[in-house]
N, C-alpha and C. Protein backbone atom coordinates (compact mmCIF):
# COMPACT_ATOMS: atom_id res chain seq x y z
N MET A 1 99.58 -3.07 -56.57
CA MET A 1 100.44 -2.10 -57.20
C MET A 1 99.60 -0.95 -57.76
N LYS A 2 98.41 -1.24 -58.31
CA LYS A 2 97.61 -0.17 -58.86
C LYS A 2 97.13 0.76 -57.79
N LYS A 3 96.81 0.23 -56.63
CA LYS A 3 96.34 1.05 -55.48
C LYS A 3 97.41 2.02 -55.07
N LEU A 4 98.65 1.50 -54.97
CA LEU A 4 99.76 2.34 -54.56
C LEU A 4 100.03 3.44 -55.59
N THR A 5 99.97 3.13 -56.85
CA THR A 5 100.14 4.11 -57.87
C THR A 5 99.06 5.22 -57.88
N SER A 6 97.81 4.82 -57.71
CA SER A 6 96.71 5.75 -57.69
C SER A 6 96.82 6.60 -56.41
N LEU A 7 97.17 6.00 -55.28
CA LEU A 7 97.34 6.73 -54.04
C LEU A 7 98.45 7.78 -54.14
N THR A 8 99.52 7.37 -54.77
CA THR A 8 100.70 8.34 -54.95
C THR A 8 100.30 9.45 -55.86
N LEU A 9 99.65 9.15 -57.00
CA LEU A 9 99.24 10.23 -57.89
C LEU A 9 98.23 11.17 -57.27
N SER A 10 97.31 10.65 -56.49
CA SER A 10 96.33 11.53 -55.84
C SER A 10 96.99 12.39 -54.75
N LEU A 11 97.95 11.86 -54.07
CA LEU A 11 98.67 12.64 -53.03
C LEU A 11 99.45 13.74 -53.73
N ILE A 12 100.11 13.48 -54.83
CA ILE A 12 100.87 14.47 -55.59
C ILE A 12 99.92 15.53 -56.05
N PHE A 13 98.78 15.14 -56.53
CA PHE A 13 97.80 16.18 -57.05
C PHE A 13 97.29 17.08 -55.90
N ILE A 14 97.01 16.48 -54.76
CA ILE A 14 96.47 17.28 -53.59
C ILE A 14 97.59 18.22 -53.14
N LEU A 15 98.80 17.74 -53.02
CA LEU A 15 99.90 18.61 -52.56
C LEU A 15 100.15 19.76 -53.55
N SER A 16 100.06 19.43 -54.82
CA SER A 16 100.28 20.49 -55.80
C SER A 16 99.25 21.59 -55.72
N ILE A 17 98.01 21.20 -55.43
CA ILE A 17 96.96 22.19 -55.29
C ILE A 17 97.30 23.14 -54.12
N PHE A 18 97.68 22.57 -52.97
CA PHE A 18 98.00 23.39 -51.81
C PHE A 18 99.23 24.23 -51.97
N LEU A 19 100.18 23.79 -52.83
CA LEU A 19 101.41 24.57 -53.02
C LEU A 19 101.25 25.67 -54.05
N VAL A 20 100.36 25.44 -55.02
CA VAL A 20 100.21 26.45 -56.09
C VAL A 20 99.17 27.52 -55.71
N LEU A 21 98.02 27.13 -55.12
CA LEU A 21 97.06 28.14 -54.77
C LEU A 21 97.47 28.90 -53.51
N PRO A 22 97.29 30.19 -53.50
CA PRO A 22 97.67 30.95 -52.29
C PRO A 22 96.74 30.67 -51.11
N PRO A 23 97.25 30.56 -49.94
CA PRO A 23 96.39 30.40 -48.77
C PRO A 23 95.48 31.52 -48.54
N ALA A 24 94.35 31.31 -47.92
CA ALA A 24 93.32 32.37 -47.74
C ALA A 24 93.86 33.45 -46.81
N SER A 25 94.78 33.13 -45.89
CA SER A 25 95.30 34.11 -45.01
C SER A 25 96.20 35.04 -45.68
N GLN A 26 96.80 34.71 -46.82
CA GLN A 26 97.70 35.59 -47.57
C GLN A 26 96.99 36.34 -48.70
N ALA A 27 95.71 36.22 -48.76
CA ALA A 27 94.97 36.87 -49.83
C ALA A 27 95.04 38.37 -49.78
N SER A 28 95.28 38.93 -48.60
CA SER A 28 95.34 40.38 -48.46
C SER A 28 96.72 40.95 -48.63
N ILE A 29 97.72 40.13 -48.89
CA ILE A 29 99.04 40.63 -49.12
C ILE A 29 99.13 41.35 -50.44
N SER A 30 99.73 42.50 -50.46
CA SER A 30 99.85 43.27 -51.72
C SER A 30 101.25 43.14 -52.26
N ILE A 31 101.45 43.66 -53.42
CA ILE A 31 102.80 43.61 -54.04
C ILE A 31 103.80 44.38 -53.24
N GLY A 32 103.40 45.42 -52.56
CA GLY A 32 104.31 46.18 -51.74
C GLY A 32 104.84 45.37 -50.57
N ASN A 33 104.00 44.51 -50.03
CA ASN A 33 104.51 43.54 -48.99
C ASN A 33 105.48 42.53 -49.56
N CYS A 34 105.32 42.18 -50.84
CA CYS A 34 106.27 41.26 -51.48
C CYS A 34 107.63 41.93 -51.51
N ASP A 35 107.67 43.17 -51.89
CA ASP A 35 108.94 43.87 -52.00
C ASP A 35 109.59 44.06 -50.61
N GLU A 36 108.72 44.39 -49.62
CA GLU A 36 109.23 44.59 -48.27
C GLU A 36 109.80 43.27 -47.64
N ASN A 37 109.07 42.17 -47.88
CA ASN A 37 109.54 40.90 -47.43
C ASN A 37 110.84 40.49 -48.10
N TRP A 38 110.96 40.79 -49.43
CA TRP A 38 112.12 40.44 -50.17
C TRP A 38 113.33 41.23 -49.66
N GLN A 39 113.18 42.48 -49.37
CA GLN A 39 114.25 43.31 -48.81
C GLN A 39 114.71 42.79 -47.48
N LYS A 40 113.72 42.46 -46.61
CA LYS A 40 114.09 41.94 -45.28
C LYS A 40 114.85 40.60 -45.43
N CYS A 41 114.39 39.76 -46.32
CA CYS A 41 115.04 38.46 -46.52
C CYS A 41 116.48 38.63 -47.03
N ARG A 42 116.67 39.51 -47.98
CA ARG A 42 118.02 39.73 -48.48
C ARG A 42 118.94 40.32 -47.44
N SER A 43 118.40 41.25 -46.64
CA SER A 43 119.29 41.83 -45.59
C SER A 43 119.65 40.82 -44.54
N ARG A 44 118.75 39.92 -44.14
CA ARG A 44 119.05 38.90 -43.24
C ARG A 44 120.11 37.88 -43.82
N ALA A 45 119.93 37.59 -45.12
CA ALA A 45 120.92 36.66 -45.71
C ALA A 45 122.32 37.30 -45.81
N LEU A 46 122.36 38.61 -46.11
CA LEU A 46 123.66 39.24 -46.25
C LEU A 46 124.31 39.46 -44.89
N GLN A 47 123.50 39.66 -43.86
CA GLN A 47 124.10 39.90 -42.53
C GLN A 47 124.44 38.63 -41.81
N SER A 48 124.00 37.49 -42.31
CA SER A 48 124.32 36.23 -41.66
C SER A 48 125.79 36.00 -41.78
N ASP A 49 126.29 35.16 -40.85
CA ASP A 49 127.72 34.82 -40.79
C ASP A 49 127.97 33.44 -41.43
N ASP A 50 127.19 33.15 -42.45
CA ASP A 50 127.34 31.85 -43.09
C ASP A 50 128.44 31.98 -44.18
N GLY A 51 128.72 30.89 -44.74
CA GLY A 51 129.74 30.86 -45.81
C GLY A 51 129.17 31.36 -47.11
N PHE A 52 130.05 31.38 -48.12
CA PHE A 52 129.69 31.89 -49.43
C PHE A 52 128.53 31.09 -50.06
N ILE A 53 128.61 29.76 -49.95
CA ILE A 53 127.59 28.92 -50.62
C ILE A 53 126.23 29.08 -49.87
N LYS A 54 126.23 29.07 -48.56
CA LYS A 54 124.91 29.22 -47.86
C LYS A 54 124.33 30.61 -48.09
N THR A 55 125.16 31.62 -48.14
CA THR A 55 124.63 32.95 -48.40
C THR A 55 124.04 33.06 -49.81
N THR A 56 124.74 32.45 -50.77
CA THR A 56 124.24 32.44 -52.13
C THR A 56 122.90 31.68 -52.27
N LEU A 57 122.82 30.56 -51.58
CA LEU A 57 121.57 29.77 -51.60
C LEU A 57 120.45 30.54 -50.89
N SER A 58 120.74 31.25 -49.83
CA SER A 58 119.75 32.07 -49.14
C SER A 58 119.26 33.18 -50.00
N LEU A 59 120.14 33.85 -50.71
CA LEU A 59 119.75 34.91 -51.65
C LEU A 59 118.91 34.36 -52.77
N ALA A 60 119.23 33.22 -53.26
CA ALA A 60 118.46 32.62 -54.37
C ALA A 60 117.08 32.20 -53.85
N ALA A 61 117.01 31.75 -52.59
CA ALA A 61 115.69 31.40 -52.03
C ALA A 61 114.85 32.69 -51.89
N CYS A 62 115.46 33.77 -51.46
CA CYS A 62 114.76 35.02 -51.35
C CYS A 62 114.20 35.46 -52.69
N ASP A 63 114.99 35.36 -53.73
CA ASP A 63 114.57 35.77 -55.08
C ASP A 63 113.46 34.85 -55.58
N LEU A 64 113.52 33.57 -55.35
CA LEU A 64 112.44 32.65 -55.83
C LEU A 64 111.15 32.96 -55.05
N ASP A 65 111.25 33.26 -53.76
CA ASP A 65 110.04 33.57 -53.01
C ASP A 65 109.44 34.89 -53.50
N HIS A 66 110.30 35.81 -53.84
CA HIS A 66 109.81 37.12 -54.33
C HIS A 66 109.08 36.95 -55.68
N VAL A 67 109.64 36.15 -56.56
CA VAL A 67 109.00 35.92 -57.86
C VAL A 67 107.64 35.20 -57.63
N ARG A 68 107.64 34.18 -56.76
CA ARG A 68 106.40 33.49 -56.46
C ARG A 68 105.32 34.42 -55.95
N CYS A 69 105.76 35.34 -55.07
CA CYS A 69 104.82 36.24 -54.44
C CYS A 69 104.28 37.21 -55.52
N LEU A 70 105.13 37.66 -56.43
CA LEU A 70 104.67 38.59 -57.46
C LEU A 70 103.75 37.92 -58.45
N VAL A 71 104.03 36.64 -58.79
CA VAL A 71 103.15 35.94 -59.74
C VAL A 71 101.80 35.65 -59.11
N ILE A 72 101.78 35.27 -57.86
CA ILE A 72 100.51 34.94 -57.22
C ILE A 72 99.64 36.17 -57.00
N PHE A 73 100.21 37.27 -56.57
CA PHE A 73 99.42 38.42 -56.18
C PHE A 73 99.35 39.50 -57.23
N SER A 74 99.81 39.25 -58.47
CA SER A 74 99.65 40.29 -59.50
C SER A 74 98.53 39.93 -60.47
């Protein structure tokens, strides 16, 4: 049981490092690209023929990604 717990905690720790730190390929992205990607994401979400709930969730996902991008690259 202790091995399973330690393995689970180490896996969570490793995954959190990869999710929090920006990848090396995105190191050259500027804040202007964050805004451009956010506008493209919002326009795709609004032009989709999904229902009200899916469109709202897509817009929320765009906003969360925009905030993450601004926090990481500012």
